[in-house]
Amino acid sequence: GGLVQAGGSLRLSCAASGRTFRDYTMGWFRQAPGKER
C-alpha cells in the first residue's frame, strides 16, 4: 500500500504463513472511513 496519484497503479501482496492456501479461496476487500467493508 501507499500513496498514488489518480490514474496510477499499485500492486498489493498478501503472504500467508502457517497454512497453505492452494485449495482455498482468497479474497480482497477494502474499507473506506465511515463505510462498510
All heavy atoms as atom14 arrays in JSON, in Angstrom:
{
  "sequence": "GGLVQAGGSLRLSCAASGRTFRDYTMGWFRQAPGKER",
  "atom14_mask": [
    [1, 1, 1, 1, 0, 0, 0, 0, 0, 0, 0, 0, 0, 0],
    [1, 1, 1, 1, 0, 0, 0, 0, 0, 0, 0, 0, 0, 0],
    [1, 1, 1, 1, 1, 1, 1, 1, 0, 0, 0, 0, 0, 0],
    [1, 1, 1, 1, 1, 1, 1, 0, 0, 0, 0, 0, 0, 0],
    [1, 1, 1, 1, 1, 1, 1, 1, 1, 0, 0, 0, 0, 0],
    [1, 1, 1, 1, 1, 0, 0, 0, 0, 0, 0, 0, 0, 0],
    [1, 1, 1, 1, 0, 0, 0, 0, 0, 0, 0, 0, 0, 0],
    [1, 1, 1, 1, 0, 0, 0, 0, 0, 0, 0, 0, 0, 0],
    [1, 1, 1, 1, 1, 1, 0, 0, 0, 0, 0, 0, 0, 0],
    [1, 1, 1, 1, 1, 1, 1, 1, 0, 0, 0, 0, 0, 0],
    [1, 1, 1, 1, 1, 1, 1, 1, 1, 1, 1, 0, 0, 0],
    [1, 1, 1, 1, 1, 1, 1, 1, 0, 0, 0, 0, 0, 0],
    [1, 1, 1, 1, 1, 1, 0, 0, 0, 0, 0, 0, 0, 0],
    [1, 1, 1, 1, 1, 1, 0, 0, 0, 0, 0, 0, 0, 0],
    [1, 1, 1, 1, 1, 0, 0, 0, 0, 0, 0, 0, 0, 0],
    [1, 1, 1, 1, 1, 0, 0, 0, 0, 0, 0, 0, 0, 0],
    [1, 1, 1, 1, 1, 1, 0, 0, 0, 0, 0, 0, 0, 0],
    [1, 1, 1, 1, 0, 0, 0, 0, 0, 0, 0, 0, 0, 0],
    [1, 1, 1, 1, 1, 1, 1, 1, 1, 1, 1, 0, 0, 0],
    [1, 1, 1, 1, 1, 1, 1, 0, 0, 0, 0, 0, 0, 0],
    [1, 1, 1, 1, 1, 1, 1, 1, 1, 1, 1, 0, 0, 0],
    [1, 1, 1, 1, 1, 1, 1, 1, 1, 1, 1, 0, 0, 0],
    [1, 1, 1, 1, 1, 1, 1, 1, 0, 0, 0, 0, 0, 0],
    [1, 1, 1, 1, 1, 1, 1, 1, 1, 1, 1, 1, 0, 0],
    [1, 1, 1, 1, 1, 1, 1, 0, 0, 0, 0, 0, 0, 0],
    [1, 1, 1, 1, 1, 1, 1, 1, 0, 0, 0, 0, 0, 0],
    [1, 1, 1, 1, 0, 0, 0, 0, 0, 0, 0, 0, 0, 0],
    [1, 1, 1, 1, 1, 1, 1, 1, 1, 1, 1, 1, 1, 1],
    [1, 1, 1, 1, 1, 1, 1, 1, 1, 1, 1, 0, 0, 0],
    [1, 1, 1, 1, 1, 1, 1, 1, 1, 1, 1, 0, 0, 0],
    [1, 1, 1, 1, 1, 1, 1, 1, 1, 0, 0, 0, 0, 0],
    [1, 1, 1, 1, 1, 0, 0, 0, 0, 0, 0, 0, 0, 0],
    [1, 1, 1, 1, 1, 1, 1, 0, 0, 0, 0, 0, 0, 0],
    [1, 1, 1, 1, 0, 0, 0, 0, 0, 0, 0, 0, 0, 0],
    [1, 1, 1, 1, 1, 1, 1, 1, 1, 0, 0, 0, 0, 0],
    [1, 1, 1, 1, 1, 1, 1, 1, 1, 0, 0, 0, 0, 0],
    [1, 1, 1, 1, 1, 1, 1, 1, 1, 1, 1, 0, 0, 0]
  ],
  "atom14_positions": [
    [[0.82, -1.2, 0.0], [0.0, 0.0, 0.0], [0.85, 1.25, 0.0], [2.07, 1.21, 0.17], [0.0, 0.0, 0.0], [0.0, 0.0, 0.0], [0.0, 0.0, 0.0], [0.0, 0.0, 0.0], [0.0, 0.0, 0.0], [0.0, 0.0, 0.0], [0.0, 0.0, 0.0], [0.0, 0.0, 0.0], [0.0, 0.0, 0.0], [0.0, 0.0, 0.0]],
    [[0.19, 2.39, -0.2], [0.91, 3.64, -0.2], [0.1, 4.74, -0.84], [-1.11, 4.61, -1.02], [0.0, 0.0, 0.0], [0.0, 0.0, 0.0], [0.0, 0.0, 0.0], [0.0, 0.0, 0.0], [0.0, 0.0, 0.0], [0.0, 0.0, 0.0], [0.0, 0.0, 0.0], [0.0, 0.0, 0.0], [0.0, 0.0, 0.0], [0.0, 0.0, 0.0]],
    [[0.8, 5.79, -1.19], [0.18, 6.96, -1.82], [0.42, 6.91, -3.32], [1.55, 6.7, -3.78], [0.78, 8.23, -1.23], [0.33, 9.56, -1.83], [-1.16, 9.79, -1.6], [1.17, 10.71, -1.24], [0.0, 0.0, 0.0], [0.0, 0.0, 0.0], [0.0, 0.0, 0.0], [0.0, 0.0, 0.0], [0.0, 0.0, 0.0], [0.0, 0.0, 0.0]],
    [[-0.64, 7.12, -4.07], [-0.54, 7.1, -5.53], [-1.46, 8.17, -6.08], [-2.5, 8.47, -5.48], [-0.89, 5.7, -6.08], [-2.32, 5.32, -5.77], [-0.59, 5.6, -7.56], [0.0, 0.0, 0.0], [0.0, 0.0, 0.0], [0.0, 0.0, 0.0], [0.0, 0.0, 0.0], [0.0, 0.0, 0.0], [0.0, 0.0, 0.0], [0.0, 0.0, 0.0]],
    [[-1.08, 8.73, -7.19], [-1.94, 9.73, -7.84], [-3.08, 9.05, -8.59], [-2.95, 7.88, -9.01], [-1.12, 10.57, -8.81], [-0.18, 11.56, -8.13], [0.45, 12.51, -9.13], [0.61, 12.19, -10.3], [0.82, 13.7, -8.65], [0.0, 0.0, 0.0], [0.0, 0.0, 0.0], [0.0, 0.0, 0.0], [0.0, 0.0, 0.0], [0.0, 0.0, 0.0]],
    [[-4.15, 9.77, -8.75], [-5.27, 9.26, -9.53], [-4.78, 8.85, -10.91], [-3.99, 9.55, -11.54], [-6.36, 10.32, -9.64], [0.0, 0.0, 0.0], [0.0, 0.0, 0.0], [0.0, 0.0, 0.0], [0.0, 0.0, 0.0], [0.0, 0.0, 0.0], [0.0, 0.0, 0.0], [0.0, 0.0, 0.0], [0.0, 0.0, 0.0], [0.0, 0.0, 0.0]],
    [[-5.25, 7.7, -11.34], [-4.82, 7.15, -12.62], [-3.62, 6.25, -12.52], [-3.25, 5.58, -13.49], [0.0, 0.0, 0.0], [0.0, 0.0, 0.0], [0.0, 0.0, 0.0], [0.0, 0.0, 0.0], [0.0, 0.0, 0.0], [0.0, 0.0, 0.0], [0.0, 0.0, 0.0], [0.0, 0.0, 0.0], [0.0, 0.0, 0.0], [0.0, 0.0, 0.0]],
    [[-3.01, 6.2, -11.35], [-1.81, 5.39, -11.15], [-2.13, 3.95, -10.8], [-3.29, 3.53, -10.78], [0.0, 0.0, 0.0], [0.0, 0.0, 0.0], [0.0, 0.0, 0.0], [0.0, 0.0, 0.0], [0.0, 0.0, 0.0], [0.0, 0.0, 0.0], [0.0, 0.0, 0.0], [0.0, 0.0, 0.0], [0.0, 0.0, 0.0], [0.0, 0.0, 0.0]],
    [[-1.05, 3.21, -10.54], [-1.17, 1.78, -10.27], [-0.43, 1.41, -8.99], [0.52, 2.08, -8.58], [-0.57, 0.98, -11.43], [-1.25, 1.24, -12.64], [0.0, 0.0, 0.0], [0.0, 0.0, 0.0], [0.0, 0.0, 0.0], [0.0, 0.0, 0.0], [0.0, 0.0, 0.0], [0.0, 0.0, 0.0], [0.0, 0.0, 0.0], [0.0, 0.0, 0.0]],
    [[-0.9, 0.34, -8.4], [-0.25, -0.26, -7.23], [-0.45, -1.75, -7.29], [-1.47, -2.23, -7.82], [-0.84, 0.26, -5.93], [-0.32, 1.55, -5.29], [-1.12, 1.84, -4.03], [1.15, 1.48, -5.01], [0.0, 0.0, 0.0], [0.0, 0.0, 0.0], [0.0, 0.0, 0.0], [0.0, 0.0, 0.0], [0.0, 0.0, 0.0], [0.0, 0.0, 0.0]],
    [[0.48, -2.49, -6.73], [0.3, -3.93, -6.56], [0.4, -4.28, -5.09], [1.42, -4.01, -4.45], [1.32, -4.73, -7.35], [1.0, -6.22, -7.35], [1.96, -7.04, -8.16], [3.19, -7.34, -7.44], [3.97, -8.39, -7.69], [3.63, -9.24, -8.66], [5.07, -8.58, -7.02], [0.0, 0.0, 0.0], [0.0, 0.0, 0.0], [0.0, 0.0, 0.0]],
    [[-0.66, -4.86, -4.59], [-0.68, -5.33, -3.22], [-0.34, -6.82, -3.18], [-0.68, -7.56, -4.1], [-2.06, -5.1, -2.6], [-2.62, -3.68, -2.66], [-3.96, -3.63, -1.93], [-1.65, -2.68, -2.11], [0.0, 0.0, 0.0], [0.0, 0.0, 0.0], [0.0, 0.0, 0.0], [0.0, 0.0, 0.0], [0.0, 0.0, 0.0], [0.0, 0.0, 0.0]],
    [[0.3, -7.2, -2.12], [0.64, -8.6, -1.91], [0.05, -9.07, -0.58], [-0.11, -8.28, 0.35], [2.16, -8.8, -1.86], [2.77, -8.38, -3.06], [0.0, 0.0, 0.0], [0.0, 0.0, 0.0], [0.0, 0.0, 0.0], [0.0, 0.0, 0.0], [0.0, 0.0, 0.0], [0.0, 0.0, 0.0], [0.0, 0.0, 0.0], [0.0, 0.0, 0.0]],
    [[-0.25, -10.35, -0.54], [-0.75, -10.95, 0.7], [-0.06, -12.3, 0.85], [-0.29, -13.22, 0.06], [-2.25, -11.13, 0.64], [-2.94, -12.09, 2.02], [0.0, 0.0, 0.0], [0.0, 0.0, 0.0], [0.0, 0.0, 0.0], [0.0, 0.0, 0.0], [0.0, 0.0, 0.0], [0.0, 0.0, 0.0], [0.0, 0.0, 0.0], [0.0, 0.0, 0.0]],
    [[0.8, -12.38, 1.84], [1.54, -13.61, 2.08], [0.92, -14.37, 3.25], [0.67, -13.8, 4.31], [3.0, -13.29, 2.39], [0.0, 0.0, 0.0], [0.0, 0.0, 0.0], [0.0, 0.0, 0.0], [0.0, 0.0, 0.0], [0.0, 0.0, 0.0], [0.0, 0.0, 0.0], [0.0, 0.0, 0.0], [0.0, 0.0, 0.0], [0.0, 0.0, 0.0]],
    [[0.7, -15.64, 3.03], [0.12, -16.49, 4.06], [1.21, -17.32, 4.71], [2.12, -17.8, 4.04], [-0.94, -17.39, 3.47], [0.0, 0.0, 0.0], [0.0, 0.0, 0.0], [0.0, 0.0, 0.0], [0.0, 0.0, 0.0], [0.0, 0.0, 0.0], [0.0, 0.0, 0.0], [0.0, 0.0, 0.0], [0.0, 0.0, 0.0], [0.0, 0.0, 0.0]],
    [[1.1, -17.48, 5.99], [2.02, -18.35, 6.72], [1.22, -19.21, 7.67], [0.14, -18.85, 8.11], [3.05, -17.53, 7.5], [2.43, -16.71, 8.46], [0.0, 0.0, 0.0], [0.0, 0.0, 0.0], [0.0, 0.0, 0.0], [0.0, 0.0, 0.0], [0.0, 0.0, 0.0], [0.0, 0.0, 0.0], [0.0, 0.0, 0.0], [0.0, 0.0, 0.0]],
    [[1.76, -20.38, 7.95], [1.1, -21.28, 8.88], [0.13, -22.24, 8.22], [-0.34, -23.19, 8.86], [0.0, 0.0, 0.0], [0.0, 0.0, 0.0], [0.0, 0.0, 0.0], [0.0, 0.0, 0.0], [0.0, 0.0, 0.0], [0.0, 0.0, 0.0], [0.0, 0.0, 0.0], [0.0, 0.0, 0.0], [0.0, 0.0, 0.0], [0.0, 0.0, 0.0]],
    [[-0.18, -21.97, 6.95], [-1.09, -22.85, 6.24], [-0.99, -22.52, 4.75], [-0.91, -21.36, 4.38], [-2.53, -22.63, 6.72], [-3.53, -23.6, 6.13], [-4.82, -23.54, 6.9], [-5.77, -24.53, 6.42], [-6.97, -24.74, 6.95], [-7.37, -24.02, 7.98], [-7.77, -25.64, 6.46], [0.0, 0.0, 0.0], [0.0, 0.0, 0.0], [0.0, 0.0, 0.0]],
    [[-1.03, -23.55, 3.93], [-1.02, -23.31, 2.51], [-2.42, -22.97, 2.03], [-3.41, -23.53, 2.52], [-0.49, -24.55, 1.75], [-0.51, -24.27, 0.35], [-1.34, -25.76, 2.02], [0.0, 0.0, 0.0], [0.0, 0.0, 0.0], [0.0, 0.0, 0.0], [0.0, 0.0, 0.0], [0.0, 0.0, 0.0], [0.0, 0.0, 0.0], [0.0, 0.0, 0.0]],
    [[-2.53, -22.02, 1.09], [-3.86, -21.63, 0.62], [-4.2, -22.24, -0.73], [-5.18, -21.86, -1.34], [-4.02, -20.11, 0.62], [-3.14, -19.36, -0.35], [-3.01, -19.72, -1.68], [-2.48, -18.22, 0.08], [-2.23, -19.01, -2.55], [-1.7, -17.49, -0.8], [-1.57, -17.87, -2.11], [0.0, 0.0, 0.0], [0.0, 0.0, 0.0], [0.0, 0.0, 0.0]],
    [[-3.41, -23.18, -1.18], [-3.57, -23.75, -2.5], [-5.01, -24.18, -2.81], [-5.49, -24.01, -3.91], [-2.64, -24.95, -2.66], [-2.67, -25.6, -4.02], [-1.93, -26.93, -3.99], [-0.66, -26.82, -3.32], [0.47, -26.48, -3.93], [0.48, -26.23, -5.23], [1.6, -26.41, -3.26], [0.0, 0.0, 0.0], [0.0, 0.0, 0.0], [0.0, 0.0, 0.0]],
    [[-5.68, -24.73, -1.83], [-7.0, -25.31, -2.07], [-8.15, -24.43, -1.56], [-9.28, -24.92, -1.4], [-7.08, -26.68, -1.4], [-6.12, -27.68, -2.03], [-6.2, -27.86, -3.26], [-5.31, -28.26, -1.29], [0.0, 0.0, 0.0], [0.0, 0.0, 0.0], [0.0, 0.0, 0.0], [0.0, 0.0, 0.0], [0.0, 0.0, 0.0], [0.0, 0.0, 0.0]],
    [[-7.86, -23.17, -1.35], [-8.86, -22.3, -0.72], [-9.01, -20.98, -1.46], [-8.1, -20.53, -2.14], [-8.49, -22.05, 0.74], [-8.39, -23.33, 1.52], [-7.17, -23.97, 1.69], [-9.54, -23.93, 2.06], [-7.08, -25.17, 2.38], [-9.46, -25.13, 2.74], [-8.23, -25.74, 2.9], [-8.14, -26.92, 3.56], [0.0, 0.0, 0.0], [0.0, 0.0, 0.0]],
    [[-10.17, -20.38, -1.26], [-10.46, -19.1, -1.86], [-9.77, -17.99, -1.08], [-9.8, -17.97, 0.15], [-11.97, -18.84, -1.88], [-12.59, -19.82, -2.71], [-12.29, -17.45, -2.4], [0.0, 0.0, 0.0], [0.0, 0.0, 0.0], [0.0, 0.0, 0.0], [0.0, 0.0, 0.0], [0.0, 0.0, 0.0], [0.0, 0.0, 0.0], [0.0, 0.0, 0.0]],
    [[-9.18, -17.07, -1.84], [-8.58, -15.88, -1.26], [-9.34, -14.67, -1.79], [-9.63, -14.58, -2.98], [-7.11, -15.76, -1.64], [-6.27, -16.93, -1.19], [-6.18, -17.07, 0.6], [-5.27, -15.59, 1.0], [0.0, 0.0, 0.0], [0.0, 0.0, 0.0], [0.0, 0.0, 0.0], [0.0, 0.0, 0.0], [0.0, 0.0, 0.0], [0.0, 0.0, 0.0]],
    [[-9.65, -13.76, -0.9], [-10.39, -12.57, -1.3], [-9.68, -11.29, -0.93], [-8.83, -11.28, -0.03], [0.0, 0.0, 0.0], [0.0, 0.0, 0.0], [0.0, 0.0, 0.0], [0.0, 0.0, 0.0], [0.0, 0.0, 0.0], [0.0, 0.0, 0.0], [0.0, 0.0, 0.0], [0.0, 0.0, 0.0], [0.0, 0.0, 0.0], [0.0, 0.0, 0.0]],
    [[-10.02, -10.24, -1.65], [-9.55, -8.89, -1.33], [-10.77, -8.02, -1.03], [-11.76, -8.06, -1.79], [-8.75, -8.29, -2.48], [-7.36, -8.81, -2.62], [-6.93, -9.8, -3.46], [-6.21, -8.35, -1.91], [-5.58, -10.0, -3.3], [-5.11, -9.12, -2.35], [-5.98, -7.39, -0.93], [-3.81, -8.93, -1.87], [-4.69, -7.2, -0.45], [-3.62, -7.98, -0.92]],
    [[-10.67, -7.26, 0.03], [-11.72, -6.35, 0.44], [-11.09, -4.98, 0.71], [-9.88, -4.86, 0.84], [-12.4, -6.86, 1.72], [-13.21, -8.11, 1.52], [-12.58, -9.35, 1.44], [-14.59, -8.06, 1.42], [-13.31, -10.52, 1.25], [-15.34, -9.22, 1.23], [-14.7, -10.45, 1.15], [0.0, 0.0, 0.0], [0.0, 0.0, 0.0], [0.0, 0.0, 0.0]],
    [[-11.94, -4.0, 0.83], [-11.46, -2.67, 1.21], [-12.5, -2.0, 2.08], [-13.69, -2.29, 2.0], [-11.14, -1.82, -0.01], [-12.34, -1.5, -0.89], [-11.89, -0.83, -2.18], [-13.01, -0.54, -3.07], [-12.88, -0.17, -4.33], [-11.66, -0.04, -4.87], [-13.95, 0.08, -5.07], [0.0, 0.0, 0.0], [0.0, 0.0, 0.0], [0.0, 0.0, 0.0]],
    [[-12.01, -1.09, 2.91], [-12.89, -0.35, 3.79], [-12.42, 1.09, 3.86], [-11.31, 1.37, 4.32], [-12.91, -0.98, 5.19], [-13.95, -0.37, 6.09], [-14.21, -1.22, 7.33], [-13.41, -2.08, 7.69], [-15.34, -1.01, 7.95], [0.0, 0.0, 0.0], [0.0, 0.0, 0.0], [0.0, 0.0, 0.0], [0.0, 0.0, 0.0], [0.0, 0.0, 0.0]],
    [[-13.28, 1.97, 3.4], [-13.01, 3.4, 3.47], [-13.56, 3.94, 4.79], [-14.45, 3.34, 5.39], [-13.67, 4.11, 2.29], [0.0, 0.0, 0.0], [0.0, 0.0, 0.0], [0.0, 0.0, 0.0], [0.0, 0.0, 0.0], [0.0, 0.0, 0.0], [0.0, 0.0, 0.0], [0.0, 0.0, 0.0], [0.0, 0.0, 0.0], [0.0, 0.0, 0.0]],
    [[-13.04, 5.06, 5.26], [-13.53, 5.63, 6.51], [-15.03, 5.84, 6.5], [-15.58, 6.41, 5.55], [-12.78, 6.96, 6.6], [-11.55, 6.76, 5.8], [-11.94, 5.84, 4.68], [0.0, 0.0, 0.0], [0.0, 0.0, 0.0], [0.0, 0.0, 0.0], [0.0, 0.0, 0.0], [0.0, 0.0, 0.0], [0.0, 0.0, 0.0], [0.0, 0.0, 0.0]],
    [[-15.68, 5.35, 7.52], [-17.11, 5.54, 7.65], [-17.95, 4.64, 6.78], [-19.18, 4.79, 6.73], [0.0, 0.0, 0.0], [0.0, 0.0, 0.0], [0.0, 0.0, 0.0], [0.0, 0.0, 0.0], [0.0, 0.0, 0.0], [0.0, 0.0, 0.0], [0.0, 0.0, 0.0], [0.0, 0.0, 0.0], [0.0, 0.0, 0.0], [0.0, 0.0, 0.0]],
    [[-17.32, 3.71, 6.08], [-18.06, 2.83, 5.19], [-17.85, 1.37, 5.59], [-16.92, 1.04, 6.31], [-17.63, 3.04, 3.75], [-17.97, 4.42, 3.2], [-17.71, 4.5, 1.71], [-18.14, 5.83, 1.15], [-17.93, 5.91, -0.32], [0.0, 0.0, 0.0], [0.0, 0.0, 0.0], [0.0, 0.0, 0.0], [0.0, 0.0, 0.0], [0.0, 0.0, 0.0]],
    [[-18.74, 0.53, 5.08], [-18.61, -0.89, 5.36], [-17.5, -1.51, 4.51], [-17.16, -0.99, 3.45], [-19.94, -1.59, 5.07], [-21.06, -1.21, 6.03], [-22.32, -2.03, 5.81], [-22.36, -2.81, 4.83], [-23.25, -1.9, 6.62], [0.0, 0.0, 0.0], [0.0, 0.0, 0.0], [0.0, 0.0, 0.0], [0.0, 0.0, 0.0], [0.0, 0.0, 0.0]],
    [[-17.02, -2.62, 5.0], [-16.03, -3.35, 4.23], [-16.7, -3.94, 2.99], [-17.77, -4.54, 3.07], [-15.43, -4.47, 5.1], [-14.2, -5.11, 4.52], [-13.5, -5.96, 5.56], [-13.04, -5.15, 6.69], [-12.23, -5.63, 7.65], [-11.8, -6.88, 7.59], [-11.88, -4.84, 8.65], [0.0, 0.0, 0.0], [0.0, 0.0, 0.0], [0.0, 0.0, 0.0]]
  ]
}
